[in-house]
Amino acid sequence: MPLVFQLLIVSDARSDLDRLWNSDPVCAGVLESTLQQIAASQRLLDALTIKDFGAYGTEAFHVDKWVEQQRLGRHLWRLKHWELEGRGKRYRVVYALDPRVSRYYVLGVFPREFNYDSKDARTRRILAAYERLGIPSWQ
């Protein structure tokens, strides 16, 4: 059965991963491998918009809403990888869904210390990429 959804990594997120490859290749490898597994599995692609998918380590990764942005009508989500969390390597993959084209876009890969504050340069970068994609809000 062909995949209904797609997962693409935008250039800024690719740069985030490239920097991670330079600083922590094991962590980068786990995240890249996970993104490749998600991209190849309709079940995992479907799970990217299920709040608390993989909670408590029931799957390799945990999905959650970017609550503040979703309240503003943006299709923004985040995931963390349990294996990395267990190693003390806390990263978040931030992504968006464009429901018009059934496509997920990885917009950033950040250390967990990223607090999603609207004034943070990383948040502004994510929101700018989101706007460039032209994803409609649901409000």
C-alpha atoms as a PDB file:
ATOM      1  CA  MET A   1       0.000   0.000   0.000  1.00  0.00           C
ATOM      2  CA  PRO A   2       1.467   3.397  -0.954  1.00  0.00           C
ATOM      3  CA  LEU A   3       2.050   5.964   1.758  1.00  0.00           C
ATOM      4  CA  VAL A   4      -0.687   8.553   2.098  1.00  0.00           C
ATOM      5  CA  PHE A   5       1.479  11.034   4.025  1.00  0.00           C
ATOM      6  CA  GLN A   6       5.045  12.221   3.410  1.00  0.00           C
ATOM      7  CA  LEU A   7       7.731  13.515   5.758  1.00  0.00           C
ATOM      8  CA  LEU A   8      10.163  16.127   4.455  1.00  0.00           C
ATOM      9  CA  ILE A   9      13.016  17.885   6.226  1.00  0.00           C
ATOM     10  CA  VAL A  10      13.314  21.604   5.400  1.00  0.00           C
ATOM     11  CA  SER A  11      16.762  23.116   4.880  1.00  0.00           C
ATOM     12  CA  ASP A  12      16.959  24.796   8.323  1.00  0.00           C
ATOM     13  CA  ALA A  13      16.189  21.498  10.043  1.00  0.00           C
ATOM     14  CA  ARG A  14      18.724  19.753   7.793  1.00  0.00           C
ATOM     15  CA  SER A  15      21.286  22.320   9.012  1.00  0.00           C
ATOM     16  CA  ASP A  16      20.291  21.560  12.617  1.00  0.00           C
ATOM     17  CA  LEU A  17      20.903  17.868  11.973  1.00  0.00           C
ATOM     18  CA  ASP A  18      24.213  18.575  10.214  1.00  0.00           C
ATOM     19  CA  ARG A  19      25.424  20.559  13.248  1.00  0.00           C
ATOM     20  CA  LEU A  20      24.304  17.701  15.483  1.00  0.00           C
ATOM     21  CA  TRP A  21      26.270  15.237  13.319  1.00  0.00           C
ATOM     22  CA  ASN A  22      29.358  17.364  14.043  1.00  0.00           C
ATOM     23  CA  SER A  23      28.762  17.654  17.786  1.00  0.00           C
ATOM     24  CA  ASP A  24      27.076  14.343  18.660  1.00  0.00           C
ATOM     25  CA  PRO A  25      27.001  11.797  15.821  1.00  0.00           C
ATOM     26  CA  VAL A  26      25.321   9.105  17.925  1.00  0.00           C
ATOM     27  CA  CYS A  27      22.421  11.393  18.763  1.00  0.00           C
ATOM     28  CA  ALA A  28      22.190  12.610  15.161  1.00  0.00           C
ATOM     29  CA  GLY A  29      22.169   9.018  13.929  1.00  0.00           C
ATOM     30  CA  VAL A  30      19.328   8.019  16.252  1.00  0.00           C
ATOM     31  CA  LEU A  31      17.227  11.005  15.181  1.00  0.00           C
ATOM     32  CA  GLU A  32      17.953  10.542  11.457  1.00  0.00           C
ATOM     33  CA  SER A  33      17.167   6.839  11.678  1.00  0.00           C
ATOM     34  CA  THR A  34      13.919   7.543  13.508  1.00  0.00           C
ATOM     35  CA  LEU A  35      12.866  10.132  10.924  1.00  0.00           C
ATOM     36  CA  GLN A  36      13.630   7.646   8.140  1.00  0.00           C
ATOM     37  CA  GLN A  37      11.572   4.956   9.899  1.00  0.00           C
ATOM     38  CA  ILE A  38       8.676   7.377  10.322  1.00  0.00           C
ATOM     39  CA  ALA A  39       8.871   8.430   6.669  1.00  0.00           C
ATOM     40  CA  ALA A  40       8.662   4.783   5.586  1.00  0.00           C
ATOM     41  CA  SER A  41       5.694   3.799   7.784  1.00  0.00           C
ATOM     42  CA  GLN A  42       2.112   4.931   7.291  1.00  0.00           C
ATOM     43  CA  ARG A  43       1.339   3.871  10.874  1.00  0.00           C
ATOM     44  CA  LEU A  44       4.072   6.127  12.257  1.00  0.00           C
ATOM     45  CA  LEU A  45       3.165   8.984   9.920  1.00  0.00           C
ATOM     46  CA  ASP A  46      -0.434   8.748  11.114  1.00  0.00           C
ATOM     47  CA  ALA A  47       0.816   8.870  14.703  1.00  0.00           C
ATOM     48  CA  LEU A  48       2.525  12.230  14.242  1.00  0.00           C
ATOM     49  CA  THR A  49      -0.727  14.021  15.063  1.00  0.00           C
ATOM     50  CA  ILE A  50      -1.846  11.820  17.946  1.00  0.00           C
ATOM     51  CA  LYS A  51      -1.218  13.680  21.180  1.00  0.00           C
ATOM     52  CA  ASP A  52       0.736  11.512  23.599  1.00  0.00           C
ATOM     53  CA  PHE A  53       1.475   8.803  21.053  1.00  0.00           C
ATOM     54  CA  GLY A  54       4.323   6.842  22.588  1.00  0.00           C
ATOM     55  CA  ALA A  55       3.806   8.264  26.077  1.00  0.00           C
ATOM     56  CA  TYR A  56       5.689   6.533  28.890  1.00  0.00           C
ATOM     57  CA  GLY A  57       8.000   4.785  26.433  1.00  0.00           C
ATOM     58  CA  THR A  58       5.331   2.683  24.731  1.00  0.00           C
ATOM     59  CA  GLU A  59       6.922   3.604  21.371  1.00  0.00           C
ATOM     60  CA  ALA A  60      10.392   4.818  20.405  1.00  0.00           C
ATOM     61  CA  PHE A  61       9.223   8.441  20.430  1.00  0.00           C
ATOM     62  CA  HIS A  62       6.620  10.629  22.105  1.00  0.00           C
ATOM     63  CA  VAL A  63       4.367  13.091  20.229  1.00  0.00           C
ATOM     64  CA  ASP A  64       2.952  16.228  21.760  1.00  0.00           C
ATOM     65  CA  LYS A  65       1.291  19.411  20.599  1.00  0.00           C
ATOM     66  CA  TRP A  66       3.028  22.752  20.560  1.00  0.00           C
ATOM     67  CA  VAL A  67       0.094  23.992  22.609  1.00  0.00           C
ATOM     68  CA  GLU A  68       0.584  27.749  22.319  1.00  0.00           C
ATOM     69  CA  GLN A  69       0.905  27.586  18.542  1.00  0.00           C
ATOM     70  CA  GLN A  70      -1.984  25.163  18.146  1.00  0.00           C
ATOM     71  CA  ARG A  71      -4.194  27.581  20.084  1.00  0.00           C
ATOM     72  CA  LEU A  72      -3.302  30.094  17.381  1.00  0.00           C
ATOM     73  CA  GLY A  73      -4.448  27.622  14.721  1.00  0.00           C
ATOM     74  CA  ARG A  74      -1.037  26.389  13.576  1.00  0.00           C
ATOM     75  CA  HIS A  75      -0.466  22.694  12.896  1.00  0.00           C
ATOM     76  CA  LEU A  76       2.764  22.508  14.911  1.00  0.00           C
ATOM     77  CA  TRP A  77       3.916  19.455  16.836  1.00  0.00           C
ATOM     78  CA  ARG A  78       7.016  18.152  18.570  1.00  0.00           C
ATOM     79  CA  LEU A  79       8.506  14.777  19.341  1.00  0.00           C
ATOM     80  CA  LYS A  80      11.153  13.453  21.648  1.00  0.00           C
ATOM     81  CA  HIS A  81      13.038  10.198  21.407  1.00  0.00           C
ATOM     82  CA  TRP A  82      12.954   7.973  24.485  1.00  0.00           C
ATOM     83  CA  GLU A  83      16.304   6.269  23.927  1.00  0.00           C
ATOM     84  CA  LEU A  84      18.038   9.641  23.774  1.00  0.00           C
ATOM     85  CA  GLU A  85      16.131  10.891  26.809  1.00  0.00           C
ATOM     86  CA  GLY A  86      17.390   7.849  28.704  1.00  0.00           C
ATOM     87  CA  ARG A  87      20.954   8.780  27.778  1.00  0.00           C
ATOM     88  CA  GLY A  88      20.453  12.353  28.950  1.00  0.00           C
ATOM     89  CA  LYS A  89      20.500  13.667  25.372  1.00  0.00           C
ATOM     90  CA  ARG A  90      17.346  15.697  25.238  1.00  0.00           C
ATOM     91  CA  TYR A  91      16.344  16.937  21.814  1.00  0.00           C
ATOM     92  CA  ARG A  92      13.043  17.911  20.263  1.00  0.00           C
ATOM     93  CA  VAL A  93      12.056  17.582  16.645  1.00  0.00           C
ATOM     94  CA  VAL A  94       9.573  20.321  15.727  1.00  0.00           C
ATOM     95  CA  TYR A  95       7.350  19.695  12.722  1.00  0.00           C
ATOM     96  CA  ALA A  96       4.255  20.911  10.966  1.00  0.00           C
ATOM     97  CA  LEU A  97       1.441  19.216   9.108  1.00  0.00           C
ATOM     98  CA  ASP A  98       0.061  20.632   5.890  1.00  0.00           C
ATOM     99  CA  PRO A  99      -3.269  18.798   5.686  1.00  0.00           C
ATOM    100  CA  ARG A 100      -3.924  20.055   2.140  1.00  0.00           C
ATOM    101  CA  VAL A 101      -1.122  17.918   0.739  1.00  0.00           C
ATOM    102  CA  SER A 102      -0.814  15.250   3.486  1.00  0.00           C
ATOM    103  CA  ARG A 103       2.741  16.307   4.193  1.00  0.00           C
ATOM    104  CA  TYR A 104       4.732  16.727   7.379  1.00  0.00           C
ATOM    105  CA  TYR A 105       7.642  19.148   7.416  1.00  0.00           C
ATOM    106  CA  VAL A 106      10.440  18.843   9.960  1.00  0.00           C
ATOM    107  CA  LEU A 107      11.185  22.485  10.758  1.00  0.00           C
ATOM    108  CA  GLY A 108      13.797  22.215  13.488  1.00  0.00           C
ATOM    109  CA  VAL A 109      15.827  19.967  15.771  1.00  0.00           C
ATOM    110  CA  PHE A 110      16.644  21.662  19.065  1.00  0.00           C
ATOM    111  CA  PRO A 111      18.009  20.820  22.489  1.00  0.00           C
ATOM    112  CA  ARG A 112      15.211  20.355  24.992  1.00  0.00           C
ATOM    113  CA  GLU A 113      16.199  23.626  26.690  1.00  0.00           C
ATOM    114  CA  PHE A 114      14.381  25.327  23.796  1.00  0.00           C
ATOM    115  CA  ASN A 115      11.362  26.717  25.642  1.00  0.00           C
ATOM    116  CA  TYR A 116       9.099  27.580  22.682  1.00  0.00           C
ATOM    117  CA  ASP A 117       8.968  31.226  23.801  1.00  0.00           C
ATOM    118  CA  SER A 118       7.633  33.492  21.061  1.00  0.00           C
ATOM    119  CA  LYS A 119      10.653  35.805  21.474  1.00  0.00           C
ATOM    120  CA  ASP A 120      13.210  33.023  20.993  1.00  0.00           C
ATOM    121  CA  ALA A 121      15.041  33.193  17.645  1.00  0.00           C
ATOM    122  CA  ARG A 122      14.357  29.495  17.063  1.00  0.00           C
ATOM    123  CA  THR A 123      10.622  30.022  17.494  1.00  0.00           C
ATOM    124  CA  ARG A 124      10.731  32.941  15.079  1.00  0.00           C
ATOM    125  CA  ARG A 125      12.654  30.764  12.618  1.00  0.00           C
ATOM    126  CA  ILE A 126      10.059  27.983  12.897  1.00  0.00           C
ATOM    127  CA  LEU A 127       7.162  30.393  12.443  1.00  0.00           C
ATOM    128  CA  ALA A 128       8.824  32.027   9.428  1.00  0.00           C
ATOM    129  CA  ALA A 129       9.323  28.614   7.800  1.00  0.00           C
ATOM    130  CA  TYR A 130       5.722  27.719   8.586  1.00  0.00           C
ATOM    131  CA  GLU A 131       4.500  30.916   6.932  1.00  0.00           C
ATOM    132  CA  ARG A 132       6.694  30.315   3.874  1.00  0.00           C
ATOM    133  CA  LEU A 133       5.051  26.907   3.461  1.00  0.00           C
ATOM    134  CA  GLY A 134       1.659  28.620   3.373  1.00  0.00           C
ATOM    135  CA  ILE A 135      -0.014  26.128   5.680  1.00  0.00           C
ATOM    136  CA  PRO A 136      -3.522  27.370   6.444  1.00  0.00           C
ATOM    137  CA  SER A 137      -4.645  27.810  10.025  1.00  0.00           C
ATOM    138  CA  TRP A 138      -7.713  25.963  11.231  1.00  0.00           C
ATOM    139  CA  GLN A 139      -9.240  29.019  12.878  1.00  0.00           C
END
